[in-house]
């Protein structure tokens, strides 16, 4: 059996996981880039607001993904997978709320 590279293995079962991770990666890189816009304050606010919106969408997709795991009836409530899903879901919702607040604050101020 031929060994596949990690990119083809990562995209073999394309799902909400890959979409949220790609959006999160792109959004965080854009947030780092937005730190260098110190000359034009208005453009920096708009760019950071849009970038925080993309990161908020990524965290919302992550929360939905783990909510589907939590609501799955086939998973035992005492299993480590279920407990991990609860922890990640709570953090995803918290970060979603922070990013949404930052996005609205940057775009409305």
PDB file of N, CA and C in Angstrom:
ATOM      1  N   UNK A   1       0.843  -1.180   0.000  1.00  0.00           N
ATOM      2  CA  UNK A   1       0.000   0.000   0.000  1.00  0.00           C
ATOM      3  C   UNK A   1       0.889   1.244   0.000  1.00  0.00           C
ATOM      4  N   UNK A   2       0.602   2.139  -0.890  1.00  0.00           N
ATOM      5  CA  UNK A   2       1.419   3.346  -1.014  1.00  0.00           C
ATOM      6  C   UNK A   2       1.109   4.300   0.139  1.00  0.00           C
ATOM      7  N   UNK A   3       2.155   4.912   0.621  1.00  0.00           N
ATOM      8  CA  UNK A   3       2.029   5.858   1.718  1.00  0.00           C
ATOM      9  C   UNK A   3       1.594   7.212   1.155  1.00  0.00           C
ATOM     10  N   UNK A   4       0.531   7.790   1.709  1.00  0.00           N
ATOM     11  CA  UNK A   4       0.046   9.081   1.249  1.00  0.00           C
ATOM     12  C   UNK A   4       0.659  10.181   2.094  1.00  0.00           C
ATOM     13  N   UNK A   5       0.797  11.356   1.502  1.00  0.00           N
ATOM     14  CA  UNK A   5       1.328  12.466   2.279  1.00  0.00           C
ATOM     15  C   UNK A   5       0.255  12.997   3.235  1.00  0.00           C
ATOM     16  N   UNK A   6       0.659  13.841   4.158  1.00  0.00           N
ATOM     17  CA  UNK A   6      -0.258  14.277   5.213  1.00  0.00           C
ATOM     18  C   UNK A   6      -1.364  15.174   4.676  1.00  0.00           C
ATOM     19  N   UNK A   7      -1.131  15.861   3.571  1.00  0.00           N
ATOM     20  CA  UNK A   7      -2.161  16.741   3.026  1.00  0.00           C
ATOM     21  C   UNK A   7      -3.314  15.920   2.453  1.00  0.00           C
ATOM     22  N   UNK A   8      -3.001  14.871   1.719  1.00  0.00           N
ATOM     23  CA  UNK A   8      -4.072  14.046   1.171  1.00  0.00           C
ATOM     24  C   UNK A   8      -4.804  13.273   2.267  1.00  0.00           C
ATOM     25  N   UNK A   9      -4.101  12.869   3.320  1.00  0.00           N
ATOM     26  CA  UNK A   9      -4.766  12.208   4.447  1.00  0.00           C
ATOM     27  C   UNK A   9      -5.657  13.181   5.209  1.00  0.00           C
ATOM     28  N   UNK A  10      -5.222  14.445   5.313  1.00  0.00           N
ATOM     29  CA  UNK A  10      -6.005  15.445   6.048  1.00  0.00           C
ATOM     30  C   UNK A  10      -7.313  15.756   5.326  1.00  0.00           C
ATOM     31  N   UNK A  11      -7.273  15.819   3.999  1.00  0.00           N
ATOM     32  CA  UNK A  11      -8.458  16.174   3.231  1.00  0.00           C
ATOM     33  C   UNK A  11      -9.231  14.967   2.717  1.00  0.00           C
ATOM     34  N   UNK A  12      -8.908  13.766   3.164  1.00  0.00           N
ATOM     35  CA  UNK A  12      -9.587  12.567   2.681  1.00  0.00           C
ATOM     36  C   UNK A  12     -11.057  12.599   3.069  1.00  0.00           C
ATOM     37  N   UNK A  13     -11.351  12.809   4.319  1.00  0.00           N
ATOM     38  CA  UNK A  13     -12.738  12.913   4.798  1.00  0.00           C
ATOM     39  C   UNK A  13     -13.028  14.376   5.115  1.00  0.00           C
ATOM     40  N   UNK A  14     -13.303  15.163   4.091  1.00  0.00           N
ATOM     41  CA  UNK A  14     -13.494  16.598   4.261  1.00  0.00           C
ATOM     42  C   UNK A  14     -14.808  16.848   4.988  1.00  0.00           C
ATOM     43  N   UNK A  15     -14.730  17.586   6.094  1.00  0.00           N
ATOM     44  CA  UNK A  15     -15.927  17.826   6.893  1.00  0.00           C
ATOM     45  C   UNK A  15     -15.841  19.201   7.548  1.00  0.00           C
ATOM     46  N   UNK A  16     -16.716  19.407   8.511  1.00  0.00           N
ATOM     47  CA  UNK A  16     -16.761  20.681   9.224  1.00  0.00           C
ATOM     48  C   UNK A  16     -15.472  20.914  10.013  1.00  0.00           C
ATOM     49  N   UNK A  17     -14.790  19.845  10.388  1.00  0.00           N
ATOM     50  CA  UNK A  17     -13.530  19.966  11.128  1.00  0.00           C
ATOM     51  C   UNK A  17     -12.484  20.687  10.291  1.00  0.00           C
ATOM     52  N   UNK A  18     -12.317  20.271   9.048  1.00  0.00           N
ATOM     53  CA  UNK A  18     -11.317  20.905   8.188  1.00  0.00           C
ATOM     54  C   UNK A  18     -11.698  22.351   7.876  1.00  0.00           C
ATOM     55  N   UNK A  19     -12.977  22.610   7.666  1.00  0.00           N
ATOM     56  CA  UNK A  19     -13.420  23.974   7.367  1.00  0.00           C
ATOM     57  C   UNK A  19     -13.125  24.896   8.548  1.00  0.00           C
ATOM     58  N   UNK A  20     -13.460  24.453   9.762  1.00  0.00           N
ATOM     59  CA  UNK A  20     -13.231  25.311  10.928  1.00  0.00           C
ATOM     60  C   UNK A  20     -11.741  25.500  11.198  1.00  0.00           C
ATOM     61  N   UNK A  21     -10.938  24.457  10.992  1.00  0.00           N
ATOM     62  CA  UNK A  21      -9.500  24.606  11.233  1.00  0.00           C
ATOM     63  C   UNK A  21      -8.844  25.511  10.197  1.00  0.00           C
ATOM     64  N   UNK A  22      -9.258  25.426   8.943  1.00  0.00           N
ATOM     65  CA  UNK A  22      -8.698  26.299   7.912  1.00  0.00           C
ATOM     66  C   UNK A  22      -9.101  27.750   8.173  1.00  0.00           C
ATOM     67  N   UNK A  23     -10.379  27.979   8.516  1.00  0.00           N
ATOM     68  CA  UNK A  23     -10.823  29.345   8.828  1.00  0.00           C
ATOM     69  C   UNK A  23     -10.084  29.904  10.039  1.00  0.00           C
ATOM     70  N   UNK A  24      -9.879  29.077  11.038  1.00  0.00           N
ATOM     71  CA  UNK A  24      -9.160  29.529  12.227  1.00  0.00           C
ATOM     72  C   UNK A  24      -7.715  29.866  11.902  1.00  0.00           C
ATOM     73  N   UNK A  25      -7.072  29.040  11.110  1.00  0.00           N
ATOM     74  CA  UNK A  25      -5.683  29.288  10.717  1.00  0.00           C
ATOM     75  C   UNK A  25      -5.564  30.582   9.909  1.00  0.00           C
ATOM     76  N   UNK A  26      -6.437  30.751   8.924  1.00  0.00           N
ATOM     77  CA  UNK A  26      -6.402  31.963   8.093  1.00  0.00           C
ATOM     78  C   UNK A  26      -6.723  33.203   8.932  1.00  0.00           C
ATOM     79  N   UNK A  27      -7.708  33.078   9.815  1.00  0.00           N
ATOM     80  CA  UNK A  27      -8.075  34.215  10.658  1.00  0.00           C
ATOM     81  C   UNK A  27      -6.980  34.623  11.621  1.00  0.00           C
ATOM     82  N   UNK A  28      -6.307  33.659  12.206  1.00  0.00           N
ATOM     83  CA  UNK A  28      -5.236  33.998  13.149  1.00  0.00           C
ATOM     84  C   UNK A  28      -4.021  34.582  12.436  1.00  0.00           C
ATOM     85  N   UNK A  29      -3.715  34.095  11.243  1.00  0.00           N
ATOM     86  CA  UNK A  29      -2.631  34.704  10.451  1.00  0.00           C
ATOM     87  C   UNK A  29      -3.000  36.141  10.086  1.00  0.00           C
ATOM     88  N   UNK A  30      -4.265  36.367   9.716  1.00  0.00           N
ATOM     89  CA  UNK A  30      -4.703  37.720   9.375  1.00  0.00           C
ATOM     90  C   UNK A  30      -4.683  38.635  10.601  1.00  0.00           C
ATOM     91  N   UNK A  31      -4.972  38.093  11.778  1.00  0.00           N
ATOM     92  CA  UNK A  31      -4.874  38.905  12.998  1.00  0.00           C
ATOM     93  C   UNK A  31      -3.444  39.331  13.271  1.00  0.00           C
ATOM     94  N   UNK A  32      -2.505  38.434  13.031  1.00  0.00           N
ATOM     95  CA  UNK A  32      -1.097  38.795  13.197  1.00  0.00           C
ATOM     96  C   UNK A  32      -0.706  39.862  12.187  1.00  0.00           C
ATOM     97  N   UNK A  33      -1.184  39.747  10.954  1.00  0.00           N
ATOM     98  CA  UNK A  33      -0.877  40.739   9.925  1.00  0.00           C
ATOM     99  C   UNK A  33      -1.507  42.088  10.289  1.00  0.00           C
ATOM    100  N   UNK A  34      -2.694  42.053  10.902  1.00  0.00           N
ATOM    101  CA  UNK A  34      -3.369  43.313  11.232  1.00  0.00           C
ATOM    102  C   UNK A  34      -2.636  44.104  12.314  1.00  0.00           C
ATOM    103  N   UNK A  35      -1.752  43.478  13.051  1.00  0.00           N
ATOM    104  CA  UNK A  35      -0.970  44.204  14.053  1.00  0.00           C
ATOM    105  C   UNK A  35       0.021  45.175  13.415  1.00  0.00           C
ATOM    106  N   UNK A  36       0.337  44.976  12.149  1.00  0.00           N
ATOM    107  CA  UNK A  36       1.311  45.829  11.476  1.00  0.00           C
ATOM    108  C   UNK A  36       0.681  47.061  10.824  1.00  0.00           C
ATOM    109  N   UNK A  37      -0.650  47.191  10.891  1.00  0.00           N
ATOM    110  CA  UNK A  37      -1.315  48.356  10.320  1.00  0.00           C
ATOM    111  C   UNK A  37      -1.438  49.452  11.362  1.00  0.00           C
ATOM    112  N   UNK A  38      -0.347  50.074  11.707  1.00  0.00           N
ATOM    113  CA  UNK A  38      -0.391  51.130  12.711  1.00  0.00           C
ATOM    114  C   UNK A  38      -0.530  52.513  12.095  1.00  0.00           C
ATOM    115  N   UNK A  39      -0.232  52.641  10.824  1.00  0.00           N
ATOM    116  CA  UNK A  39      -0.297  53.952  10.165  1.00  0.00           C
ATOM    117  C   UNK A  39      -1.741  54.390   9.920  1.00  0.00           C
ATOM    118  N   UNK A  40      -2.534  53.497   9.355  1.00  0.00           N
ATOM    119  CA  UNK A  40      -3.912  53.831   9.002  1.00  0.00           C
ATOM    120  C   UNK A  40      -4.850  53.177  10.010  1.00  0.00           C
ATOM    121  N   UNK A  41      -5.345  53.979  10.933  1.00  0.00           N
ATOM    122  CA  UNK A  41      -6.122  53.449  12.049  1.00  0.00           C
ATOM    123  C   UNK A  41      -7.485  52.939  11.580  1.00  0.00           C
ATOM    124  N   UNK A  42      -8.136  53.662  10.681  1.00  0.00           N
ATOM    125  CA  UNK A  42      -9.465  53.249  10.224  1.00  0.00           C
ATOM    126  C   UNK A  42      -9.411  51.932   9.459  1.00  0.00           C
ATOM    127  N   UNK A  43      -8.418  51.789   8.583  1.00  0.00           N
ATOM    128  CA  UNK A  43      -8.268  50.539   7.842  1.00  0.00           C
ATOM    129  C   UNK A  43      -7.951  49.390   8.793  1.00  0.00           C
ATOM    130  N   UNK A  44      -7.143  49.658   9.819  1.00  0.00           N
ATOM    131  CA  UNK A  44      -6.790  48.615  10.786  1.00  0.00           C
ATOM    132  C   UNK A  44      -8.016  48.148  11.553  1.00  0.00           C
ATOM    133  N   UNK A  45      -8.898  49.078  11.928  1.00  0.00           N
ATOM    134  CA  UNK A  45     -10.120  48.698  12.637  1.00  0.00           C
ATOM    135  C   UNK A  45     -11.019  47.834  11.774  1.00  0.00           C
ATOM    136  N   UNK A  46     -11.191  48.235  10.526  1.00  0.00           N
ATOM    137  CA  UNK A  46     -12.046  47.469   9.622  1.00  0.00           C
ATOM    138  C   UNK A  46     -11.449  46.093   9.351  1.00  0.00           C
ATOM    139  N   UNK A  47     -10.155  46.050   9.096  1.00  0.00           N
ATOM    140  CA  UNK A  47      -9.489  44.777   8.816  1.00  0.00           C
ATOM    141  C   UNK A  47      -9.543  43.851  10.029  1.00  0.00           C
ATOM    142  N   UNK A  48      -9.317  44.413  11.216  1.00  0.00           N
ATOM    143  CA  UNK A  48      -9.353  43.591  12.420  1.00  0.00           C
ATOM    144  C   UNK A  48     -10.776  43.133  12.718  1.00  0.00           C
ATOM    145  N   UNK A  49     -11.756  43.969  12.442  1.00  0.00           N
ATOM    146  CA  UNK A  49     -13.150  43.569  12.644  1.00  0.00           C
ATOM    147  C   UNK A  49     -13.549  42.427  11.739  1.00  0.00           C
ATOM    148  N   UNK A  50     -13.161  42.509  10.473  1.00  0.00           N
ATOM    149  CA  UNK A  50     -13.475  41.431   9.536  1.00  0.00           C
ATOM    150  C   UNK A  50     -12.729  40.155   9.920  1.00  0.00           C
ATOM    151  N   UNK A  51     -11.481  40.307  10.317  1.00  0.00           N
ATOM    152  CA  UNK A  51     -10.693  39.145  10.718  1.00  0.00           C
ATOM    153  C   UNK A  51     -11.274  38.484  11.960  1.00  0.00           C
ATOM    154  N   UNK A  52     -11.685  39.272  12.941  1.00  0.00           N
ATOM    155  CA  UNK A  52     -12.315  38.696  14.130  1.00  0.00           C
ATOM    156  C   UNK A  52     -13.648  38.039  13.784  1.00  0.00           C
ATOM    157  N   UNK A  53     -14.327  38.546  12.773  1.00  0.00           N
ATOM    158  CA  UNK A  53     -15.546  37.896  12.299  1.00  0.00           C
ATOM    159  C   UNK A  53     -15.266  36.514  11.721  1.00  0.00           C
ATOM    160  N   UNK A  54     -14.181  36.405  10.953  1.00  0.00           N
ATOM    161  CA  UNK A  54     -13.794  35.101  10.395  1.00  0.00           C
ATOM    162  C   UNK A  54     -13.421  34.129  11.513  1.00  0.00           C
ATOM    163  N   UNK A  55     -12.688  34.611  12.499  1.00  0.00           N
ATOM    164  CA  UNK A  55     -12.310  33.750  13.636  1.00  0.00           C
ATOM    165  C   UNK A  55     -13.561  33.361  14.433  1.00  0.00           C
ATOM    166  N   UNK A  56     -14.518  34.276  14.572  1.00  0.00           N
ATOM    167  CA  UNK A  56     -15.765  33.954  15.270  1.00  0.00           C
ATOM    168  C   UNK A  56     -16.540  32.869  14.533  1.00  0.00           C
ATOM    169  N   UNK A  57     -16.567  32.935  13.208  1.00  0.00           N
ATOM    170  CA  UNK A  57     -17.233  31.893  12.422  1.00  0.00           C
ATOM    171  C   UNK A  57     -16.535  30.551  12.617  1.00  0.00           C
ATOM    172  N   UNK A  58     -15.206  30.566  12.669  1.00  0.00           N
ATOM    173  CA  UNK A  58     -14.457  29.326  12.878  1.00  0.00           C
ATOM    174  C   UNK A  58     -14.773  28.724  14.247  1.00  0.00           C
ATOM    175  N   UNK A  59     -14.838  29.559  15.282  1.00  0.00           N
ATOM    176  CA  UNK A  59     -15.165  29.034  16.609  1.00  0.00           C
ATOM    177  C   UNK A  59     -16.618  28.580  16.684  1.00  0.00           C
ATOM    178  N   UNK A  60     -17.516  29.233  15.946  1.00  0.00           N
ATOM    179  CA  UNK A  60     -18.912  28.783  15.915  1.00  0.00           C
ATOM    180  C   UNK A  60     -19.011  27.401  15.264  1.00  0.00           C
ATOM    181  N   UNK A  61     -18.283  27.188  14.173  1.00  0.00           N
ATOM    182  CA  UNK A  61     -18.278  25.865  13.537  1.00  0.00           C
ATOM    183  C   UNK A  61     -17.682  24.807  14.463  1.00  0.00           C
ATOM    184  N   UNK A  62     -16.650  25.184  15.202  1.00  0.00           N
ATOM    185  CA  UNK A  62     -16.050  24.265  16.171  1.00  0.00           C
ATOM    186  C   UNK A  62     -17.053  23.913  17.268  1.00  0.00           C
ATOM    187  N   UNK A  63     -17.788  24.895  17.741  1.00  0.00           N
ATOM    188  CA  UNK A  63     -18.799  24.649  18.771  1.00  0.00           C
ATOM    189  C   UNK A  63     -19.907  23.744  18.241  1.00  0.00           C
ATOM    190  N   UNK A  64     -20.323  23.958  17.011  1.00  0.00           N
ATOM    191  CA  UNK A  64     -21.355  23.109  16.408  1.00  0.00           C
ATOM    192  C   UNK A  64     -20.851  21.676  16.272  1.00  0.00           C
ATOM    193  N   UNK A  65     -19.595  21.532  15.866  1.00  0.00           N
ATOM    194  CA  UNK A  65     -19.027  20.193  15.702  1.00  0.00           C
ATOM    195  C   UNK A  65     -19.028  19.426  17.019  1.00  0.00           C
ATOM    196  N   UNK A  66     -18.624  20.074  18.088  1.00  0.00           N
ATOM    197  CA  UNK A  66     -18.596  19.386  19.379  1.00  0.00           C
ATOM    198  C   UNK A  66     -19.973  19.275  20.001  1.00  0.00           C
ATOM    199  N   UNK A  67     -20.896  20.142  19.642  1.00  0.00           N
ATOM    200  CA  UNK A  67     -22.273  19.985  20.097  1.00  0.00           C
ATOM    201  C   UNK A  67     -22.896  18.743  19.471  1.00  0.00           C
ATOM    202  N   UNK A  68     -22.541  18.454  18.223  1.00  0.00           N
ATOM    203  CA  UNK A  68     -23.008  17.223  17.585  1.00  0.00           C
ATOM    204  C   UNK A  68     -22.459  15.991  18.294  1.00  0.00           C
ATOM    205  N   UNK A  69     -21.240  16.073  18.800  1.00  0.00           N
ATOM    206  CA  UNK A  69     -20.670  14.955  19.560  1.00  0.00           C
ATOM    207  C   UNK A  69     -21.394  14.808  20.893  1.00  0.00           C
ATOM    208  N   UNK A  70     -21.689  15.927  21.539  1.00  0.00           N
ATOM    209  CA  UNK A  70     -22.350  15.875  22.844  1.00  0.00           C
ATOM    210  C   UNK A  70     -23.764  15.311  22.714  1.00  0.00           C
ATOM    211  N   UNK A  71     -24.483  15.690  21.674  1.00  0.00           N
ATOM    212  CA  UNK A  71     -25.869  15.244  21.515  1.00  0.00           C
ATOM    213  C   UNK A  71     -25.988  13.868  20.880  1.00  0.00           C
ATOM    214  N   UNK A  72     -24.871  13.254  20.514  1.00  0.00           N
ATOM    215  CA  UNK A  72     -24.902  11.914  19.933  1.00  0.00           C
ATOM    216  C   UNK A  72     -25.291  10.907  21.012  1.00  0.00           C
ATOM    217  N   UNK A  73     -26.315  10.118  20.750  1.00  0.00           N
ATOM    218  CA  UNK A  73     -26.808   9.156  21.745  1.00  0.00           C
ATOM    219  C   UNK A  73     -25.937   7.906  21.834  1.00  0.00           C
ATOM    220  N   UNK A  74     -25.057   7.687  20.866  1.00  0.00           N
ATOM    221  CA  UNK A  74     -24.239   6.477  20.851  1.00  0.00           C
ATOM    222  C   UNK A  74     -23.033   6.575  21.786  1.00  0.00           C
ATOM    223  N   UNK A  75     -22.679   7.793  22.208  1.00  0.00           N
ATOM    224  CA  UNK A  75     -21.494   7.984  23.043  1.00  0.00           C
ATOM    225  C   UNK A  75     -21.898   7.924  24.513  1.00  0.00           C
ATOM    226  N   UNK A  76     -21.160   7.144  25.284  1.00  0.00           N
ATOM    227  CA  UNK A  76     -21.386   7.021  26.711  1.00  0.00           C
ATOM    228  C   UNK A  76     -21.031   8.345  27.399  1.00  0.00           C
ATOM    229  N   UNK A  77     -21.838   8.752  28.355  1.00  0.00           N
ATOM    230  CA  UNK A  77     -21.617  10.036  29.027  1.00  0.00           C
ATOM    231  C   UNK A  77     -20.423  10.021  29.973  1.00  0.00           C
ATOM    232  N   UNK A  78     -19.891   8.856  30.263  1.00  0.00           N
ATOM    233  CA  UNK A  78     -18.711   8.765  31.102  1.00  0.00           C
ATOM    234  C   UNK A  78     -17.424   8.574  30.300  1.00  0.00           C
ATOM    235  N   UNK A  79     -17.532   8.555  28.986  1.00  0.00           N
ATOM    236  CA  UNK A  79     -16.344   8.318  28.161  1.00  0.00           C
ATOM    237  C   UNK A  79     -15.493   9.582  28.064  1.00  0.00           C
ATOM    238  N   UNK A  80     -14.197   9.411  27.852  1.00  0.00           N
ATOM    239  CA  UNK A  80     -13.312  10.579  27.704  1.00  0.00           C
ATOM    240  C   UNK A  80     -13.659  11.437  26.489  1.00  0.00           C
ATOM    241  N   UNK A  81     -14.186  10.830  25.447  1.00  0.00           N
ATOM    242  CA  UNK A  81     -14.581  11.586  24.251  1.00  0.00           C
ATOM    243  C   UNK A  81     -15.693  12.568  24.582  1.00  0.00           C
ATOM    244  N   UNK A  82     -16.668  12.123  25.351  1.00  0.00           N
ATOM    245  CA  UNK A  82     -17.788  12.978  25.737  1.00  0.00           C
ATOM    246  C   UNK A  82     -17.310  14.125  26.627  1.00  0.00           C
ATOM    247  N   UNK A  83     -16.457  13.812  27.598  1.00  0.00           N
ATOM    248  CA  UNK A  83     -15.951  14.846  28.505  1.00  0.00           C
ATOM    249  C   UNK A  83     -15.067  15.853  27.766  1.00  0.00           C
ATOM    250  N   UNK A  84     -14.262  15.359  26.838  1.00  0.00           N
ATOM    251  CA  UNK A  84     -13.424  16.250  26.015  1.00  0.00           C
ATOM    252  C   UNK A  84     -14.302  17.160  25.162  1.00  0.00           C
ATOM    253  N   UNK A  85     -15.375  16.614  24.619  1.00  0.00           N
ATOM    254  CA  UNK A  85     -16.277  17.413  23.784  1.00  0.00           C
ATOM    255  C   UNK A  85     -16.932  18.524  24.593  1.00  0.00           C
ATOM    256  N   UNK A  86     -17.277  18.253  25.841  1.00  0.00           N
ATOM    257  CA  UNK A  86     -17.885  19.287  26.685  1.00  0.00           C
ATOM    258  C   UNK A  86     -16.892  20.411  26.955  1.00  0.00           C
ATOM    259  N   UNK A  87     -15.662  20.058  27.278  1.00  0.00           N
ATOM    260  CA  UNK A  87     -14.643  21.072  27.580  1.00  0.00           C
ATOM    261  C   UNK A  87     -14.356  21.930  26.350  1.00  0.00           C
ATOM    262  N   UNK A  88     -14.165  21.293  25.208  1.00  0.00           N
ATOM    263  CA  UNK A  88     -13.867  22.042  23.983  1.00  0.00           C
ATOM    264  C   UNK A  88     -15.066  22.895  23.569  1.00  0.00           C
ATOM    265  N   UNK A  89     -16.274  22.382  23.759  1.00  0.00           N
ATOM    266  CA  UNK A  89     -17.466  23.149  23.431  1.00  0.00           C
ATOM    267  C   UNK A  89     -17.552  24.423  24.267  1.00  0.00           C
ATOM    268  N   UNK A  90     -17.282  24.311  25.562  1.00  0.00           N
ATOM    269  CA  UNK A  90     -17.340  25.488  26.444  1.00  0.00           C
ATOM    270  C   UNK A  90     -16.297  26.524  26.024  1.00  0.00           C
ATOM    271  N   UNK A  91     -15.064  26.078  25.759  1.00  0.00           N
ATOM    272  CA  UNK A  91     -14.027  27.019  25.321  1.00  0.00           C
ATOM    273  C   UNK A  91     -14.353  27.631  23.965  1.00  0.00           C
ATOM    274  N   UNK A  92     -14.916  26.850  23.057  1.00  0.00           N
ATOM    275  CA  UNK A  92     -15.262  27.378  21.736  1.00  0.00           C
ATOM    276  C   UNK A  92     -16.348  28.443  21.846  1.00  0.00           C
ATOM    277  N   UNK A  93     -17.316  28.231  22.722  1.00  0.00           N
ATOM    278  CA  UNK A  93     -18.384  29.223  22.906  1.00  0.00           C
ATOM    279  C   UNK A  93     -17.825  30.492  23.542  1.00  0.00           C
ATOM    280  N   UNK A  94     -16.927  30.345  24.514  1.00  0.00           N
ATOM    281  CA  UNK A  94     -16.321  31.521  25.151  1.00  0.00           C
ATOM    282  C   UNK A  94     -15.504  32.325  24.140  1.00  0.00           C
ATOM    283  N   UNK A  95     -14.671  31.637  23.357  1.00  0.00           N
ATOM    284  CA  UNK A  95     -13.865  32.347  22.357  1.00  0.00           C
ATOM    285  C   UNK A  95     -14.728  32.924  21.243  1.00  0.00           C
ATOM    286  N   UNK A  96     -15.821  32.244  20.893  1.00  0.00           N
ATOM    287  CA  UNK A  96     -16.756  32.793  19.916  1.00  0.00           C
ATOM    288  C   UNK A  96     -17.339  34.106  20.416  1.00  0.00           C
ATOM    289  N   UNK A  97     -17.754  34.116  21.682  1.00  0.00           N
ATOM    290  CA  UNK A  97     -18.331  35.336  22.238  1.00  0.00           C
ATOM    291  C   UNK A  97     -17.303  36.465  22.278  1.00  0.00           C
ATOM    292  N   UNK A  98     -16.073  36.160  22.660  1.00  0.00           N
ATOM    293  CA  UNK A  98     -15.024  37.185  22.685  1.00  0.00           C
ATOM    294  C   UNK A  98     -14.735  37.731  21.283  1.00  0.00           C
ATOM    295  N   UNK A  99     -14.649  36.852  20.316  1.00  0.00           N
ATOM    296  CA  UNK A  99     -14.376  37.298  18.944  1.00  0.00           C
ATOM    297  C   UNK A  99     -15.540  38.091  18.370  1.00  0.00           C
ATOM    298  N   UNK A 100     -16.754  37.667  18.683  1.00  0.00           N
ATOM    299  CA  UNK A 100     -17.917  38.414  18.203  1.00  0.00           C
ATOM    300  C   UNK A 100     -17.970  39.802  18.834  1.00  0.00           C
ATOM    301  N   UNK A 101     -17.669  39.894  20.122  1.00  0.00           N
ATOM    302  CA  UNK A 101     -17.615  41.192  20.782  1.00  0.00           C
ATOM    303  C   UNK A 101     -16.533  42.070  20.157  1.00  0.00           C
ATOM    304  N   UNK A 102     -15.352  41.495  19.922  1.00  0.00           N
ATOM    305  CA  UNK A 102     -14.265  42.253  19.293  1.00  0.00           C
ATOM    306  C   UNK A 102     -14.608  42.701  17.895  1.00  0.00           C
ATOM    307  N   UNK A 103     -15.278  41.839  17.152  1.00  0.00           N
ATOM    308  CA  UNK A 103     -15.686  42.191  15.786  1.00  0.00           C
ATOM    309  C   UNK A 103     -16.676  43.354  15.797  1.00  0.00           C
ATOM    310  N   UNK A 104     -17.680  43.255  16.635  1.00  0.00           N
ATOM    311  CA  UNK A 104     -18.669  44.340  16.712  1.00  0.00           C
ATOM    312  C   UNK A 104     -18.050  45.631  17.245  1.00  0.00           C
ATOM    313  N   UNK A 105     -17.174  45.520  18.218  1.00  0.00           N
ATOM    314  CA  UNK A 105     -16.525  46.709  18.769  1.00  0.00           C
ATOM    315  C   UNK A 105     -15.639  47.380  17.731  1.00  0.00           C
ATOM    316  N   UNK A 106     -14.905  46.571  16.949  1.00  0.00           N
ATOM    317  CA  UNK A 106     -14.013  47.146  15.940  1.00  0.00           C
ATOM    318  C   UNK A 106     -14.789  47.767  14.798  1.00  0.00           C
ATOM    319  N   UNK A 107     -15.886  47.153  14.410  1.00  0.00           N
ATOM    320  CA  UNK A 107     -16.638  47.685  13.264  1.00  0.00           C
ATOM    321  C   UNK A 107     -17.560  48.847  13.641  1.00  0.00           C
ATOM    322  N   UNK A 108     -18.018  48.896  14.877  1.00  0.00           N
ATOM    323  CA  UNK A 108     -18.948  49.940  15.275  1.00  0.00           C
ATOM    324  C   UNK A 108     -18.281  51.143  15.937  1.00  0.00           C
ATOM    325  N   UNK A 109     -17.017  51.048  16.289  1.00  0.00           N
ATOM    326  CA  UNK A 109     -16.382  52.190  16.944  1.00  0.00           C
ATOM    327  C   UNK A 109     -15.718  53.110  15.933  1.00  0.00           C
TER     328      UNK A 109
END
